[in-house]
C-alpha atoms as a PDB file:
ATOM      1  CA  UNK A   1      -8.082  31.405 -38.997  1.00  0.00           C
ATOM      2  CA  UNK A   2      -8.648  27.655 -39.013  1.00  0.00           C
ATOM      3  CA  UNK A   3     -10.602  25.472 -36.639  1.00  0.00           C
ATOM      4  CA  UNK A   4     -10.469  21.827 -35.688  1.00  0.00           C
ATOM      5  CA  UNK A   5     -13.491  19.744 -34.900  1.00  0.00           C
ATOM      6  CA  UNK A   6     -13.124  16.556 -32.861  1.00  0.00           C
ATOM      7  CA  UNK A   7     -15.806  13.938 -32.975  1.00  0.00           C
ATOM      8  CA  UNK A   8     -16.476  11.947 -29.819  1.00  0.00           C
ATOM      9  CA  UNK A   9     -15.181  14.605 -27.403  1.00  0.00           C
ATOM     10  CA  UNK A  10     -17.730  13.647 -24.752  1.00  0.00           C
ATOM     11  CA  UNK A  11     -16.597  10.006 -24.953  1.00  0.00           C
ATOM     12  CA  UNK A  12     -12.941  11.067 -24.698  1.00  0.00           C
ATOM     13  CA  UNK A  13     -13.649  13.229 -21.624  1.00  0.00           C
ATOM     14  CA  UNK A  14     -15.489  10.353 -19.971  1.00  0.00           C
ATOM     15  CA  UNK A  15     -12.598   7.920 -20.594  1.00  0.00           C
ATOM     16  CA  UNK A  16      -9.989  10.449 -19.409  1.00  0.00           C
ATOM     17  CA  UNK A  17     -12.012  10.962 -16.221  1.00  0.00           C
ATOM     18  CA  UNK A  18     -11.901   7.217 -15.581  1.00  0.00           C
ATOM     19  CA  UNK A  19      -8.126   7.136 -16.112  1.00  0.00           C
ATOM     20  CA  UNK A  20      -7.565  10.035 -13.714  1.00  0.00           C
ATOM     21  CA  UNK A  21      -9.543   8.172 -11.034  1.00  0.00           C
ATOM     22  CA  UNK A  22      -7.458   5.048 -11.712  1.00  0.00           C
ATOM     23  CA  UNK A  23      -4.212   6.907 -11.005  1.00  0.00           C
ATOM     24  CA  UNK A  24      -5.305   8.878  -7.943  1.00  0.00           C
ATOM     25  CA  UNK A  25      -2.905   8.792  -4.952  1.00  0.00           C
ATOM     26  CA  UNK A  26      -4.768   5.957  -3.225  1.00  0.00           C
ATOM     27  CA  UNK A  27      -4.418   3.687  -6.260  1.00  0.00           C
ATOM     28  CA  UNK A  28      -0.730   4.586  -6.598  1.00  0.00           C
ATOM     29  CA  UNK A  29      -0.179   3.874  -2.897  1.00  0.00           C
ATOM     30  CA  UNK A  30      -1.949   0.507  -3.122  1.00  0.00           C
ATOM     31  CA  UNK A  31       0.114  -0.517  -6.164  1.00  0.00           C
ATOM     32  CA  UNK A  32       3.374   0.557  -4.541  1.00  0.00           C
ATOM     33  CA  UNK A  33       2.554  -1.163  -1.253  1.00  0.00           C
ATOM     34  CA  UNK A  34       1.878  -4.483  -2.948  1.00  0.00           C
ATOM     35  CA  UNK A  35       5.048  -4.110  -5.051  1.00  0.00           C
ATOM     36  CA  UNK A  36       7.191  -3.485  -1.929  1.00  0.00           C
ATOM     37  CA  UNK A  37       6.053  -6.595  -0.019  1.00  0.00           C
ATOM     38  CA  UNK A  38       8.839  -8.916  -1.295  1.00  0.00           C
ATOM     39  CA  UNK A  39      11.469  -6.328  -0.305  1.00  0.00           C
ATOM     40  CA  UNK A  40       9.894  -5.996   3.151  1.00  0.00           C
ATOM     41  CA  UNK A  41       9.908  -9.770   3.633  1.00  0.00           C
ATOM     42  CA  UNK A  42      13.602  -9.929   2.678  1.00  0.00           C
ATOM     43  CA  UNK A  43      14.474  -7.052   5.038  1.00  0.00           C
ATOM     44  CA  UNK A  44      12.679  -8.793   7.910  1.00  0.00           C
ATOM     45  CA  UNK A  45      14.484 -12.061   7.254  1.00  0.00           C
ATOM     46  CA  UNK A  46      17.870 -10.260   6.996  1.00  0.00           C
ATOM     47  CA  UNK A  47      17.409  -8.263  10.218  1.00  0.00           C
ATOM     48  CA  UNK A  48      19.737  -9.407  12.986  1.00  0.00           C
ATOM     49  CA  UNK A  49      18.263 -11.047  16.045  1.00  0.00           C
ATOM     50  CA  UNK A  50      19.901 -11.036  19.458  1.00  0.00           C
ATOM     51  CA  UNK A  51      20.004 -13.944  21.851  1.00  0.00           C
ATOM     52  CA  UNK A  52      19.244 -12.168  25.119  1.00  0.00           C
ATOM     53  CA  UNK A  53      16.483  -9.895  26.335  1.00  0.00           C
ATOM     54  CA  UNK A  54      17.522  -6.290  26.969  1.00  0.00           C
ATOM     55  CA  UNK A  55      15.968  -3.076  28.191  1.00  0.00           C
ATOM     56  CA  UNK A  56      15.061  -0.216  25.919  1.00  0.00           C
ATOM     57  CA  UNK A  57      15.756   3.431  26.575  1.00  0.00           C
ATOM     58  CA  UNK A  58      12.216   3.599  27.994  1.00  0.00           C
ATOM     59  CA  UNK A  59      13.015   0.831  30.472  1.00  0.00           C
ATOM     60  CA  UNK A  60      10.843  -1.836  28.842  1.00  0.00           C
ATOM     61  CA  UNK A  61      12.167  -5.369  28.614  1.00  0.00           C
ATOM     62  CA  UNK A  62      12.569  -6.301  24.954  1.00  0.00           C
ATOM     63  CA  UNK A  63      12.782  -9.941  23.924  1.00  0.00           C
ATOM     64  CA  UNK A  64      15.035 -11.201  21.111  1.00  0.00           C
ATOM     65  CA  UNK A  65      13.508 -10.515  17.708  1.00  0.00           C
ATOM     66  CA  UNK A  66      12.059  -7.112  18.672  1.00  0.00           C
ATOM     67  CA  UNK A  67      13.655  -5.476  15.620  1.00  0.00           C
ATOM     68  CA  UNK A  68      12.226  -8.091  13.236  1.00  0.00           C
ATOM     69  CA  UNK A  69       8.733  -7.680  14.681  1.00  0.00           C
ATOM     70  CA  UNK A  70       8.824  -3.892  14.265  1.00  0.00           C
ATOM     71  CA  UNK A  71       9.939  -3.578  10.645  1.00  0.00           C
ATOM     72  CA  UNK A  72       7.031  -2.276   8.560  1.00  0.00           C
ATOM     73  CA  UNK A  73       6.169  -0.274   5.493  1.00  0.00           C
ATOM     74  CA  UNK A  74       5.485   3.397   6.110  1.00  0.00           C
ATOM     75  CA  UNK A  75       3.588   5.606   3.674  1.00  0.00           C
ATOM     76  CA  UNK A  76       5.272   8.935   2.984  1.00  0.00           C
ATOM     77  CA  UNK A  77       3.397  11.748   1.270  1.00  0.00           C
ATOM     78  CA  UNK A  78       3.569  15.478   0.790  1.00  0.00           C
ATOM     79  CA  UNK A  79       1.047  17.836   2.281  1.00  0.00           C
ATOM     80  CA  UNK A  80      -0.520  18.318  -1.142  1.00  0.00           C
ATOM     81  CA  UNK A  81      -0.752  14.503  -1.410  1.00  0.00           C
ATOM     82  CA  UNK A  82       0.668  14.459  -4.929  1.00  0.00           C
ATOM     83  CA  UNK A  83       3.766  12.353  -4.316  1.00  0.00           C
ATOM     84  CA  UNK A  84       3.360   9.043  -2.587  1.00  0.00           C
ATOM     85  CA  UNK A  85       6.194   6.761  -1.515  1.00  0.00           C
ATOM     86  CA  UNK A  86       6.743   3.866   0.832  1.00  0.00           C
ATOM     87  CA  UNK A  87       9.771   3.268   2.992  1.00  0.00           C
ATOM     88  CA  UNK A  88      10.856   0.392   5.185  1.00  0.00           C
ATOM     89  CA  UNK A  89      11.083   1.565   8.791  1.00  0.00           C
ATOM     90  CA  UNK A  90      11.901   0.071  12.162  1.00  0.00           C
ATOM     91  CA  UNK A  91       9.149   1.380  14.432  1.00  0.00           C
ATOM     92  CA  UNK A  92       8.839   1.935  18.185  1.00  0.00           C
ATOM     93  CA  UNK A  93      11.967   1.375  20.199  1.00  0.00           C
ATOM     94  CA  UNK A  94      13.668  -0.573  17.402  1.00  0.00           C
ATOM     95  CA  UNK A  95      15.484   2.541  16.147  1.00  0.00           C
ATOM     96  CA  UNK A  96      18.783   0.791  16.855  1.00  0.00           C
ATOM     97  CA  UNK A  97      18.314  -1.170  13.613  1.00  0.00           C
ATOM     98  CA  UNK A  98      19.687   1.887  11.811  1.00  0.00           C
ATOM     99  CA  UNK A  99      22.821   1.748  13.961  1.00  0.00           C
ATOM    100  CA  UNK A 100      23.318  -1.922  13.167  1.00  0.00           C
ATOM    101  CA  UNK A 101      22.949  -1.187   9.445  1.00  0.00           C
ATOM    102  CA  UNK A 102      25.371   1.751   9.312  1.00  0.00           C
ATOM    103  CA  UNK A 103      27.655   1.147  12.288  1.00  0.00           C
ATOM    104  CA  UNK A 104      28.488   3.748  14.914  1.00  0.00           C
ATOM    105  CA  UNK A 105      31.308   5.385  16.792  1.00  0.00           C
ATOM    106  CA  UNK A 106      30.363   6.563  20.267  1.00  0.00           C
ATOM    107  CA  UNK A 107      31.916   9.814  21.354  1.00  0.00           C
ATOM    108  CA  UNK A 108      32.985  10.913  24.788  1.00  0.00           C
ATOM    109  CA  UNK A 109      30.383  10.228  27.417  1.00  0.00           C
ATOM    110  CA  UNK A 110      29.631  12.326  30.451  1.00  0.00           C
ATOM    111  CA  UNK A 111      29.417  10.787  33.940  1.00  0.00           C
ATOM    112  CA  UNK A 112      25.620  11.180  33.886  1.00  0.00           C
ATOM    113  CA  UNK A 113      25.408   9.264  30.590  1.00  0.00           C
ATOM    114  CA  UNK A 114      27.634   6.502  31.954  1.00  0.00           C
ATOM    115  CA  UNK A 115      25.411   6.190  35.040  1.00  0.00           C
ATOM    116  CA  UNK A 116      22.294   6.067  32.876  1.00  0.00           C
ATOM    117  CA  UNK A 117      23.795   3.388  30.609  1.00  0.00           C
ATOM    118  CA  UNK A 118      24.610   1.259  33.662  1.00  0.00           C
ATOM    119  CA  UNK A 119      20.953   1.521  34.713  1.00  0.00           C
ATOM    120  CA  UNK A 120      19.785   0.477  31.245  1.00  0.00           C
ATOM    121  CA  UNK A 121      22.244  -2.424  31.259  1.00  0.00           C
ATOM    122  CA  UNK A 122      20.254  -3.899  34.125  1.00  0.00           C
ATOM    123  CA  UNK A 123      22.469  -2.694  36.940  1.00  0.00           C
ATOM    124  CA  UNK A 124      25.503  -4.647  35.743  1.00  0.00           C
ATOM    125  CA  UNK A 125      28.787  -3.661  37.315  1.00  0.00           C
ATOM    126  CA  UNK A 126      31.460  -1.893  35.300  1.00  0.00           C
ATOM    127  CA  UNK A 127      33.564  -5.050  35.175  1.00  0.00           C
ATOM    128  CA  UNK A 128      30.604  -7.027  33.857  1.00  0.00           C
ATOM    129  CA  UNK A 129      30.038  -4.397  31.177  1.00  0.00           C
ATOM    130  CA  UNK A 130      33.713  -4.560  30.190  1.00  0.00           C
ATOM    131  CA  UNK A 131      33.447  -8.324  29.801  1.00  0.00           C
ATOM    132  CA  UNK A 132      30.796  -7.763  27.130  1.00  0.00           C
ATOM    133  CA  UNK A 133      33.377  -5.943  25.011  1.00  0.00           C
ATOM    134  CA  UNK A 134      34.806  -2.473  24.700  1.00  0.00           C
ATOM    135  CA  UNK A 135      31.815  -0.265  23.917  1.00  0.00           C
ATOM    136  CA  UNK A 136      34.061   2.669  23.014  1.00  0.00           C
ATOM    137  CA  UNK A 137      35.411   1.053  19.869  1.00  0.00           C
ATOM    138  CA  UNK A 138      33.940   1.899  16.509  1.00  0.00           C
ATOM    139  CA  UNK A 139      31.404  -0.728  15.458  1.00  0.00           C
ATOM    140  CA  UNK A 140      31.288  -1.752  11.809  1.00  0.00           C
ATOM    141  CA  UNK A 141      27.912  -1.841  10.152  1.00  0.00           C
ATOM    142  CA  UNK A 142      26.177  -5.135   9.452  1.00  0.00           C
ATOM    143  CA  UNK A 143      23.958  -4.424   6.443  1.00  0.00           C
ATOM    144  CA  UNK A 144      20.523  -6.023   6.543  1.00  0.00           C
ATOM    145  CA  UNK A 145      18.337  -3.499   4.725  1.00  0.00           C
ATOM    146  CA  UNK A 146      20.705  -2.567   1.888  1.00  0.00           C
ATOM    147  CA  UNK A 147      20.962  -6.115   0.508  1.00  0.00           C
ATOM    148  CA  UNK A 148      17.155  -6.422   0.465  1.00  0.00           C
ATOM    149  CA  UNK A 149      16.949  -3.137  -1.456  1.00  0.00           C
ATOM    150  CA  UNK A 150      19.607  -4.158  -3.987  1.00  0.00           C
ATOM    151  CA  UNK A 151      18.056  -7.567  -4.546  1.00  0.00           C
ATOM    152  CA  UNK A 152      14.450  -6.411  -5.025  1.00  0.00           C
ATOM    153  CA  UNK A 153      14.491  -2.863  -6.476  1.00  0.00           C
ATOM    154  CA  UNK A 154      14.150  -4.006 -10.106  1.00  0.00           C
ATOM    155  CA  UNK A 155      11.312  -6.365  -9.179  1.00  0.00           C
ATOM    156  CA  UNK A 156       9.550  -3.596  -7.240  1.00  0.00           C
ATOM    157  CA  UNK A 157       9.684  -1.284 -10.257  1.00  0.00           C
ATOM    158  CA  UNK A 158       8.377  -4.023 -12.555  1.00  0.00           C
ATOM    159  CA  UNK A 159       5.568  -5.030 -10.186  1.00  0.00           C
ATOM    160  CA  UNK A 160       4.582  -1.375  -9.657  1.00  0.00           C
ATOM    161  CA  UNK A 161       4.309  -0.796 -13.415  1.00  0.00           C
ATOM    162  CA  UNK A 162       2.173  -3.917 -13.833  1.00  0.00           C
ATOM    163  CA  UNK A 163      -0.129  -2.924 -10.949  1.00  0.00           C
ATOM    164  CA  UNK A 164      -0.592   0.600 -12.335  1.00  0.00           C
ATOM    165  CA  UNK A 165      -1.314  -0.709 -15.832  1.00  0.00           C
ATOM    166  CA  UNK A 166      -3.920  -3.037 -14.349  1.00  0.00           C
ATOM    167  CA  UNK A 167      -5.537  -0.081 -12.487  1.00  0.00           C
ATOM    168  CA  UNK A 168      -5.600   1.995 -15.690  1.00  0.00           C
ATOM    169  CA  UNK A 169      -7.030  -0.833 -17.795  1.00  0.00           C
ATOM    170  CA  UNK A 170      -9.683  -1.442 -15.167  1.00  0.00           C
ATOM    171  CA  UNK A 171     -10.526   2.281 -15.199  1.00  0.00           C
ATOM    172  CA  UNK A 172     -10.944   2.283 -18.974  1.00  0.00           C
ATOM    173  CA  UNK A 173     -13.589  -0.475 -18.899  1.00  0.00           C
END
């Protein structure tokens, strides 16, 4: 039977401990958040902005630009906190940004739904609603998030790698 003796094992353990602290989930999250900021800025600038105020499904009056003001980074993590990711989300009542991105095709509506949509539309008459356009037609998507992703994904990966290397180098000092 042979044995191997390693000199400087205590020093190696100390340095490895510093590296493991440098790559803990908080450091990874901080590096990823800073790397995603250019993509977030592009998504905000690409987001469509209406010209008129409208009411939300909660009945609040929303001014033009509500979607742009509610686009933020959201941290996503598992319960065991081992995998950390960030996503770009439209918060609050700006969920309709997803519909604008992908498009939609409304199905058949019940009378109760039609009545509720007239209330949300500010009490406009049916003829006034028709003048705004046929809401039963399929709406094509107007991408605003996808182009930001395609334009910045390589830069995000590069910036993330640089941030993590900086954290590791700082941990080794």
